[in-house]
Amino acid sequence: MKIRTNTQLETILRTAFDIEGNSIKDVAKMAGINRNTLYKWNCGAMRFSPDNIDKLLIYFQEHEPARLDRAEKMYDALRGIE
């Protein structure tokens, strides 16, 4: 993964939830994040703390790396980043 700002990481992580995989409920449980907080964040109602961003990144890197990789490639393609 490239060096990214928190805003970029949030966008990539939201994109990962649009790709087929574990539900938000399961991800929240496995990542140790409050489920309601994750739902609110995913619908754009709030920003995530750097700590929660780290938890989600670790979750995706350990449990669903292909999903995270695909989301990052989609993000880069939409923004013309190589």
PDB file of N, CA and C in Angstrom:
ATOM      1  N   MET A   1       0.847  -1.178   0.000  1.00  0.00           N
ATOM      2  CA  MET A   1       0.000   0.000   0.000  1.00  0.00           C
ATOM      3  C   MET A   1       0.890   1.237   0.000  1.00  0.00           C
ATOM      4  N   LYS A   2       0.481   2.217  -0.770  1.00  0.00           N
ATOM      5  CA  LYS A   2       1.203   3.481  -0.855  1.00  0.00           C
ATOM      6  C   LYS A   2       0.946   4.314   0.396  1.00  0.00           C
ATOM      7  N   ILE A   3       1.771   5.343   0.574  1.00  0.00           N
ATOM      8  CA  ILE A   3       1.535   6.283   1.666  1.00  0.00           C
ATOM      9  C   ILE A   3       0.311   7.111   1.302  1.00  0.00           C
ATOM     10  N   ARG A   4      -0.641   7.194   2.219  1.00  0.00           N
ATOM     11  CA  ARG A   4      -1.918   7.867   1.964  1.00  0.00           C
ATOM     12  C   ARG A   4      -2.280   8.767   3.140  1.00  0.00           C
ATOM     13  N   THR A   5      -3.104   9.770   2.858  1.00  0.00           N
ATOM     14  CA  THR A   5      -3.667  10.590   3.930  1.00  0.00           C
ATOM     15  C   THR A   5      -4.826   9.821   4.558  1.00  0.00           C
ATOM     16  N   ASN A   6      -5.259  10.254   5.739  1.00  0.00           N
ATOM     17  CA  ASN A   6      -6.400   9.600   6.385  1.00  0.00           C
ATOM     18  C   ASN A   6      -7.653   9.685   5.523  1.00  0.00           C
ATOM     19  N   THR A   7      -7.856  10.807   4.843  1.00  0.00           N
ATOM     20  CA  THR A   7      -9.024  10.959   3.974  1.00  0.00           C
ATOM     21  C   THR A   7      -8.974   9.954   2.829  1.00  0.00           C
ATOM     22  N   GLN A   8      -7.810   9.776   2.235  1.00  0.00           N
ATOM     23  CA  GLN A   8      -7.670   8.793   1.163  1.00  0.00           C
ATOM     24  C   GLN A   8      -7.917   7.379   1.690  1.00  0.00           C
ATOM     25  N   LEU A   9      -7.369   7.079   2.867  1.00  0.00           N
ATOM     26  CA  LEU A   9      -7.571   5.749   3.454  1.00  0.00           C
ATOM     27  C   LEU A   9      -9.044   5.489   3.749  1.00  0.00           C
ATOM     28  N   GLU A  10      -9.736   6.505   4.259  1.00  0.00           N
ATOM     29  CA  GLU A  10     -11.166   6.335   4.530  1.00  0.00           C
ATOM     30  C   GLU A  10     -11.927   6.012   3.247  1.00  0.00           C
ATOM     31  N   THR A  11     -11.587   6.690   2.162  1.00  0.00           N
ATOM     32  CA  THR A  11     -12.255   6.438   0.885  1.00  0.00           C
ATOM     33  C   THR A  11     -11.972   5.021   0.399  1.00  0.00           C
ATOM     34  N   ILE A  12     -10.734   4.585   0.505  1.00  0.00           N
ATOM     35  CA  ILE A  12     -10.374   3.224   0.091  1.00  0.00           C
ATOM     36  C   ILE A  12     -11.097   2.196   0.953  1.00  0.00           C
ATOM     37  N   LEU A  13     -11.157   2.426   2.251  1.00  0.00           N
ATOM     38  CA  LEU A  13     -11.829   1.478   3.142  1.00  0.00           C
ATOM     39  C   LEU A  13     -13.328   1.433   2.877  1.00  0.00           C
ATOM     40  N   ARG A  14     -13.937   2.583   2.598  1.00  0.00           N
ATOM     41  CA  ARG A  14     -15.368   2.584   2.241  1.00  0.00           C
ATOM     42  C   ARG A  14     -15.589   1.811   0.939  1.00  0.00           C
ATOM     43  N   THR A  15     -14.678   1.985  -0.006  1.00  0.00           N
ATOM     44  CA  THR A  15     -14.769   1.248  -1.267  1.00  0.00           C
ATOM     45  C   THR A  15     -14.669  -0.250  -1.016  1.00  0.00           C
ATOM     46  N   ALA A  16     -13.830  -0.646  -0.078  1.00  0.00           N
ATOM     47  CA  ALA A  16     -13.683  -2.072   0.238  1.00  0.00           C
ATOM     48  C   ALA A  16     -15.003  -2.669   0.715  1.00  0.00           C
ATOM     49  N   PHE A  17     -15.815  -1.881   1.414  1.00  0.00           N
ATOM     50  CA  PHE A  17     -17.107  -2.391   1.877  1.00  0.00           C
ATOM     51  C   PHE A  17     -18.093  -2.565   0.724  1.00  0.00           C
ATOM     52  N   ASP A  18     -17.858  -1.897  -0.398  1.00  0.00           N
ATOM     53  CA  ASP A  18     -18.718  -2.062  -1.572  1.00  0.00           C
ATOM     54  C   ASP A  18     -18.390  -3.338  -2.344  1.00  0.00           C
ATOM     55  N   ILE A  19     -17.240  -3.926  -2.056  1.00  0.00           N
ATOM     56  CA  ILE A  19     -16.813  -5.156  -2.716  1.00  0.00           C
ATOM     57  C   ILE A  19     -17.304  -6.332  -1.877  1.00  0.00           C
ATOM     58  N   GLU A  20     -17.726  -7.382  -2.550  1.00  0.00           N
ATOM     59  CA  GLU A  20     -18.272  -8.542  -1.848  1.00  0.00           C
ATOM     60  C   GLU A  20     -17.265  -9.109  -0.849  1.00  0.00           C
ATOM     61  N   GLY A  21     -17.747  -9.386   0.341  1.00  0.00           N
ATOM     62  CA  GLY A  21     -16.911  -9.939   1.398  1.00  0.00           C
ATOM     63  C   GLY A  21     -17.698  -9.985   2.688  1.00  0.00           C
ATOM     64  N   ASN A  22     -17.003 -10.032   3.812  1.00  0.00           N
ATOM     65  CA  ASN A  22     -17.669 -10.068   5.111  1.00  0.00           C
ATOM     66  C   ASN A  22     -18.532  -8.832   5.314  1.00  0.00           C
ATOM     67  N   SER A  23     -19.601  -8.995   6.079  1.00  0.00           N
ATOM     68  CA  SER A  23     -20.517  -7.889   6.358  1.00  0.00           C
ATOM     69  C   SER A  23     -19.878  -6.888   7.314  1.00  0.00           C
ATOM     70  N   ILE A  24     -20.458  -5.706   7.370  1.00  0.00           N
ATOM     71  CA  ILE A  24     -19.974  -4.684   8.298  1.00  0.00           C
ATOM     72  C   ILE A  24     -20.047  -5.209   9.730  1.00  0.00           C
ATOM     73  N   LYS A  25     -21.105  -5.928  10.046  1.00  0.00           N
ATOM     74  CA  LYS A  25     -21.274  -6.494  11.388  1.00  0.00           C
ATOM     75  C   LYS A  25     -20.102  -7.417  11.731  1.00  0.00           C
ATOM     76  N   ASP A  26     -19.737  -8.300  10.807  1.00  0.00           N
ATOM     77  CA  ASP A  26     -18.629  -9.228  11.047  1.00  0.00           C
ATOM     78  C   ASP A  26     -17.291  -8.500  11.122  1.00  0.00           C
ATOM     79  N   VAL A  27     -17.097  -7.531  10.238  1.00  0.00           N
ATOM     80  CA  VAL A  27     -15.850  -6.763  10.238  1.00  0.00           C
ATOM     81  C   VAL A  27     -15.698  -6.009  11.554  1.00  0.00           C
ATOM     82  N   ALA A  28     -16.770  -5.366  12.014  1.00  0.00           N
ATOM     83  CA  ALA A  28     -16.721  -4.616  13.272  1.00  0.00           C
ATOM     84  C   ALA A  28     -16.312  -5.522  14.422  1.00  0.00           C
ATOM     85  N   LYS A  29     -16.898  -6.697  14.475  1.00  0.00           N
ATOM     86  CA  LYS A  29     -16.592  -7.640  15.556  1.00  0.00           C
ATOM     87  C   LYS A  29     -15.130  -8.077  15.499  1.00  0.00           C
ATOM     88  N   MET A  30     -14.664  -8.434  14.312  1.00  0.00           N
ATOM     89  CA  MET A  30     -13.298  -8.931  14.162  1.00  0.00           C
ATOM     90  C   MET A  30     -12.248  -7.831  14.303  1.00  0.00           C
ATOM     91  N   ALA A  31     -12.610  -6.590  13.956  1.00  0.00           N
ATOM     92  CA  ALA A  31     -11.663  -5.472  14.045  1.00  0.00           C
ATOM     93  C   ALA A  31     -11.689  -4.798  15.415  1.00  0.00           C
ATOM     94  N   GLY A  32     -12.680  -5.130  16.232  1.00  0.00           N
ATOM     95  CA  GLY A  32     -12.776  -4.519  17.554  1.00  0.00           C
ATOM     96  C   GLY A  32     -13.293  -3.093  17.515  1.00  0.00           C
ATOM     97  N   ILE A  33     -14.209  -2.819  16.584  1.00  0.00           N
ATOM     98  CA  ILE A  33     -14.801  -1.489  16.437  1.00  0.00           C
ATOM     99  C   ILE A  33     -16.292  -1.604  16.729  1.00  0.00           C
ATOM    100  N   ASN A  34     -16.844  -0.617  17.409  1.00  0.00           N
ATOM    101  CA  ASN A  34     -18.275  -0.607  17.687  1.00  0.00           C
ATOM    102  C   ASN A  34     -19.046  -0.657  16.372  1.00  0.00           C
ATOM    103  N   ARG A  35     -20.001  -1.583  16.290  1.00  0.00           N
ATOM    104  CA  ARG A  35     -20.748  -1.795  15.044  1.00  0.00           C
ATOM    105  C   ARG A  35     -21.493  -0.539  14.600  1.00  0.00           C
ATOM    106  N   ASN A  36     -22.154   0.156  15.537  1.00  0.00           N
ATOM    107  CA  ASN A  36     -22.897   1.369  15.173  1.00  0.00           C
ATOM    108  C   ASN A  36     -21.967   2.460  14.654  1.00  0.00           C
ATOM    109  N   THR A  37     -20.805   2.575  15.267  1.00  0.00           N
ATOM    110  CA  THR A  37     -19.814   3.544  14.802  1.00  0.00           C
ATOM    111  C   THR A  37     -19.390   3.225  13.379  1.00  0.00           C
ATOM    112  N   LEU A  38     -19.160   1.949  13.097  1.00  0.00           N
ATOM    113  CA  LEU A  38     -18.744   1.546  11.755  1.00  0.00           C
ATOM    114  C   LEU A  38     -19.847   1.798  10.731  1.00  0.00           C
ATOM    115  N   TYR A  39     -21.091   1.510  11.084  1.00  0.00           N
ATOM    116  CA  TYR A  39     -22.216   1.785  10.177  1.00  0.00           C
ATOM    117  C   TYR A  39     -22.319   3.284   9.876  1.00  0.00           C
ATOM    118  N   LYS A  40     -22.242   4.115  10.926  1.00  0.00           N
ATOM    119  CA  LYS A  40     -22.344   5.569  10.732  1.00  0.00           C
ATOM    120  C   LYS A  40     -21.195   6.088   9.871  1.00  0.00           C
ATOM    121  N   TRP A  41     -19.996   5.587  10.129  1.00  0.00           N
ATOM    122  CA  TRP A  41     -18.844   6.007   9.346  1.00  0.00           C
ATOM    123  C   TRP A  41     -19.013   5.600   7.887  1.00  0.00           C
ATOM    124  N   ASN A  42     -19.443   4.366   7.648  1.00  0.00           N
ATOM    125  CA  ASN A  42     -19.550   3.862   6.281  1.00  0.00           C
ATOM    126  C   ASN A  42     -20.599   4.617   5.463  1.00  0.00           C
ATOM    127  N   CYS A  43     -21.642   5.124   6.109  1.00  0.00           N
ATOM    128  CA  CYS A  43     -22.657   5.878   5.356  1.00  0.00           C
ATOM    129  C   CYS A  43     -22.270   7.350   5.220  1.00  0.00           C
ATOM    130  N   GLY A  44     -21.122   7.745   5.746  1.00  0.00           N
ATOM    131  CA  GLY A  44     -20.624   9.103   5.566  1.00  0.00           C
ATOM    132  C   GLY A  44     -21.093  10.095   6.607  1.00  0.00           C
ATOM    133  N   ALA A  45     -21.712   9.601   7.676  1.00  0.00           N
ATOM    134  CA  ALA A  45     -22.258  10.487   8.699  1.00  0.00           C
ATOM    135  C   ALA A  45     -21.190  11.029   9.645  1.00  0.00           C
ATOM    136  N   MET A  46     -20.004  10.444   9.628  1.00  0.00           N
ATOM    137  CA  MET A  46     -18.958  10.887  10.552  1.00  0.00           C
ATOM    138  C   MET A  46     -17.587  10.522   9.997  1.00  0.00           C
ATOM    139  N   ARG A  47     -16.560  11.157  10.554  1.00  0.00           N
ATOM    140  CA  ARG A  47     -15.173  10.826  10.220  1.00  0.00           C
ATOM    141  C   ARG A  47     -14.689   9.773  11.204  1.00  0.00           C
ATOM    142  N   PHE A  48     -13.685   9.029  10.791  1.00  0.00           N
ATOM    143  CA  PHE A  48     -13.112   7.980  11.627  1.00  0.00           C
ATOM    144  C   PHE A  48     -11.862   8.494  12.312  1.00  0.00           C
ATOM    145  N   SER A  49     -11.609   8.017  13.504  1.00  0.00           N
ATOM    146  CA  SER A  49     -10.378   8.363  14.203  1.00  0.00           C
ATOM    147  C   SER A  49      -9.223   7.589  13.565  1.00  0.00           C
ATOM    148  N   PRO A  50      -8.003   8.118  13.660  1.00  0.00           N
ATOM    149  CA  PRO A  50      -6.852   7.386  13.124  1.00  0.00           C
ATOM    150  C   PRO A  50      -6.724   5.984  13.728  1.00  0.00           C
ATOM    151  N   ASP A  51      -7.109   5.830  14.992  1.00  0.00           N
ATOM    152  CA  ASP A  51      -7.051   4.522  15.644  1.00  0.00           C
ATOM    153  C   ASP A  51      -7.986   3.527  14.953  1.00  0.00           C
ATOM    154  N   ASN A  52      -9.200   3.959  14.636  1.00  0.00           N
ATOM    155  CA  ASN A  52     -10.145   3.072  13.959  1.00  0.00           C
ATOM    156  C   ASN A  52      -9.728   2.789  12.517  1.00  0.00           C
ATOM    157  N   ILE A  53      -9.116   3.767  11.865  1.00  0.00           N
ATOM    158  CA  ILE A  53      -8.596   3.533  10.515  1.00  0.00           C
ATOM    159  C   ILE A  53      -7.530   2.444  10.571  1.00  0.00           C
ATOM    160  N   ASP A  54      -6.645   2.538  11.564  1.00  0.00           N
ATOM    161  CA  ASP A  54      -5.608   1.518  11.731  1.00  0.00           C
ATOM    162  C   ASP A  54      -6.212   0.139  11.972  1.00  0.00           C
ATOM    163  N   LYS A  55      -7.240   0.076  12.820  1.00  0.00           N
ATOM    164  CA  LYS A  55      -7.891  -1.210  13.100  1.00  0.00           C
ATOM    165  C   LYS A  55      -8.480  -1.822  11.832  1.00  0.00           C
ATOM    166  N   LEU A  56      -9.125  -0.989  11.024  1.00  0.00           N
ATOM    167  CA  LEU A  56      -9.711  -1.500   9.778  1.00  0.00           C
ATOM    168  C   LEU A  56      -8.632  -1.934   8.790  1.00  0.00           C
ATOM    169  N   LEU A  57      -7.571  -1.154   8.680  1.00  0.00           N
ATOM    170  CA  LEU A  57      -6.479  -1.541   7.786  1.00  0.00           C
ATOM    171  C   LEU A  57      -5.881  -2.878   8.202  1.00  0.00           C
ATOM    172  N   ILE A  58      -5.648  -3.041   9.490  1.00  0.00           N
ATOM    173  CA  ILE A  58      -5.097  -4.302   9.993  1.00  0.00           C
ATOM    174  C   ILE A  58      -6.057  -5.445   9.703  1.00  0.00           C
ATOM    175  N   TYR A  59      -7.350  -5.214   9.936  1.00  0.00           N
ATOM    176  CA  TYR A  59      -8.339  -6.256   9.650  1.00  0.00           C
ATOM    177  C   TYR A  59      -8.247  -6.685   8.186  1.00  0.00           C
ATOM    178  N   PHE A  60      -8.316  -5.713   7.269  1.00  0.00           N
ATOM    179  CA  PHE A  60      -8.312  -6.050   5.848  1.00  0.00           C
ATOM    180  C   PHE A  60      -6.988  -6.682   5.420  1.00  0.00           C
ATOM    181  N   GLN A  61      -5.873  -6.220   5.967  1.00  0.00           N
ATOM    182  CA  GLN A  61      -4.582  -6.799   5.605  1.00  0.00           C
ATOM    183  C   GLN A  61      -4.460  -8.240   6.089  1.00  0.00           C
ATOM    184  N   GLU A  62      -5.028  -8.547   7.248  1.00  0.00           N
ATOM    185  CA  GLU A  62      -4.914  -9.894   7.802  1.00  0.00           C
ATOM    186  C   GLU A  62      -5.988 -10.850   7.293  1.00  0.00           C
ATOM    187  N   HIS A  63      -7.211 -10.362   7.094  1.00  0.00           N
ATOM    188  CA  HIS A  63      -8.334 -11.253   6.804  1.00  0.00           C
ATOM    189  C   HIS A  63      -8.848 -11.184   5.365  1.00  0.00           C
ATOM    190  N   GLU A  64      -8.762 -10.040   4.723  1.00  0.00           N
ATOM    191  CA  GLU A  64      -9.289  -9.887   3.360  1.00  0.00           C
ATOM    192  C   GLU A  64      -8.358  -9.007   2.517  1.00  0.00           C
ATOM    193  N   PRO A  65      -7.101  -9.435   2.359  1.00  0.00           N
ATOM    194  CA  PRO A  65      -6.151  -8.588   1.620  1.00  0.00           C
ATOM    195  C   PRO A  65      -6.539  -8.354   0.161  1.00  0.00           C
ATOM    196  N   ALA A  66      -7.166  -9.330  -0.472  1.00  0.00           N
ATOM    197  CA  ALA A  66      -7.565  -9.153  -1.877  1.00  0.00           C
ATOM    198  C   ALA A  66      -8.630  -8.073  -2.005  1.00  0.00           C
ATOM    199  N   ARG A  67      -9.518  -8.007  -1.043  1.00  0.00           N
ATOM    200  CA  ARG A  67     -10.581  -6.989  -1.040  1.00  0.00           C
ATOM    201  C   ARG A  67      -9.978  -5.591  -0.900  1.00  0.00           C
ATOM    202  N   LEU A  68      -9.014  -5.445  -0.003  1.00  0.00           N
ATOM    203  CA  LEU A  68      -8.342  -4.157   0.191  1.00  0.00           C
ATOM    204  C   LEU A  68      -7.544  -3.778  -1.053  1.00  0.00           C
ATOM    205  N   ASP A  69      -6.835  -4.738  -1.624  1.00  0.00           N
ATOM    206  CA  ASP A  69      -6.041  -4.473  -2.823  1.00  0.00           C
ATOM    207  C   ASP A  69      -6.929  -4.020  -3.977  1.00  0.00           C
ATOM    208  N   ARG A  70      -8.055  -4.677  -4.145  1.00  0.00           N
ATOM    209  CA  ARG A  70      -8.986  -4.301  -5.220  1.00  0.00           C
ATOM    210  C   ARG A  70      -9.545  -2.898  -4.998  1.00  0.00           C
ATOM    211  N   ALA A  71      -9.877  -2.571  -3.752  1.00  0.00           N
ATOM    212  CA  ALA A  71     -10.399  -1.237  -3.438  1.00  0.00           C
ATOM    213  C   ALA A  71      -9.351  -0.166  -3.723  1.00  0.00           C
ATOM    214  N   GLU A  72      -8.100  -0.457  -3.379  1.00  0.00           N
ATOM    215  CA  GLU A  72      -7.027   0.512  -3.626  1.00  0.00           C
ATOM    216  C   GLU A  72      -6.810   0.712  -5.129  1.00  0.00           C
ATOM    217  N   LYS A  73      -6.862  -0.366  -5.892  1.00  0.00           N
ATOM    218  CA  LYS A  73      -6.702  -0.252  -7.346  1.00  0.00           C
ATOM    219  C   LYS A  73      -7.852   0.542  -7.961  1.00  0.00           C
ATOM    220  N   MET A  74      -9.064   0.334  -7.465  1.00  0.00           N
ATOM    221  CA  MET A  74     -10.221   1.094  -7.956  1.00  0.00           C
ATOM    222  C   MET A  74     -10.047   2.576  -7.647  1.00  0.00           C
ATOM    223  N   TYR A  75      -9.599   2.888  -6.430  1.00  0.00           N
ATOM    224  CA  TYR A  75      -9.374   4.275  -6.019  1.00  0.00           C
ATOM    225  C   TYR A  75      -8.352   4.934  -6.949  1.00  0.00           C
ATOM    226  N   ASP A  76      -7.222   4.248  -7.160  1.00  0.00           N
ATOM    227  CA  ASP A  76      -6.165   4.801  -8.012  1.00  0.00           C
ATOM    228  C   ASP A  76      -6.643   4.993  -9.451  1.00  0.00           C
ATOM    229  N   ALA A  77      -7.389   4.031  -9.973  1.00  0.00           N
ATOM    230  CA  ALA A  77      -7.879   4.117 -11.353  1.00  0.00           C
ATOM    231  C   ALA A  77      -8.829   5.300 -11.532  1.00  0.00           C
ATOM    232  N   LEU A  78      -9.695   5.517 -10.560  1.00  0.00           N
ATOM    233  CA  LEU A  78     -10.647   6.625 -10.651  1.00  0.00           C
ATOM    234  C   LEU A  78      -9.960   7.985 -10.591  1.00  0.00           C
ATOM    235  N   ARG A  79      -8.815   8.039  -9.950  1.00  0.00           N
ATOM    236  CA  ARG A  79      -8.104   9.304  -9.799  1.00  0.00           C
ATOM    237  C   ARG A  79      -6.910   9.436 -10.737  1.00  0.00           C
ATOM    238  N   GLY A  80      -6.701   8.443 -11.583  1.00  0.00           N
ATOM    239  CA  GLY A  80      -5.602   8.493 -12.547  1.00  0.00           C
ATOM    240  C   GLY A  80      -4.235   8.371 -11.917  1.00  0.00           C
ATOM    241  N   ILE A  81      -4.150   7.688 -10.785  1.00  0.00           N
ATOM    242  CA  ILE A  81      -2.880   7.494 -10.082  1.00  0.00           C
ATOM    243  C   ILE A  81      -2.268   6.179 -10.547  1.00  0.00           C
ATOM    244  N   GLU A  82      -0.977   6.210 -10.843  1.00  0.00           N
ATOM    245  CA  GLU A  82      -0.303   4.979 -11.274  1.00  0.00           C
ATOM    246  C   GLU A  82       0.526   4.397 -10.170  1.00  0.00           C
TER     247      GLU A  82
END
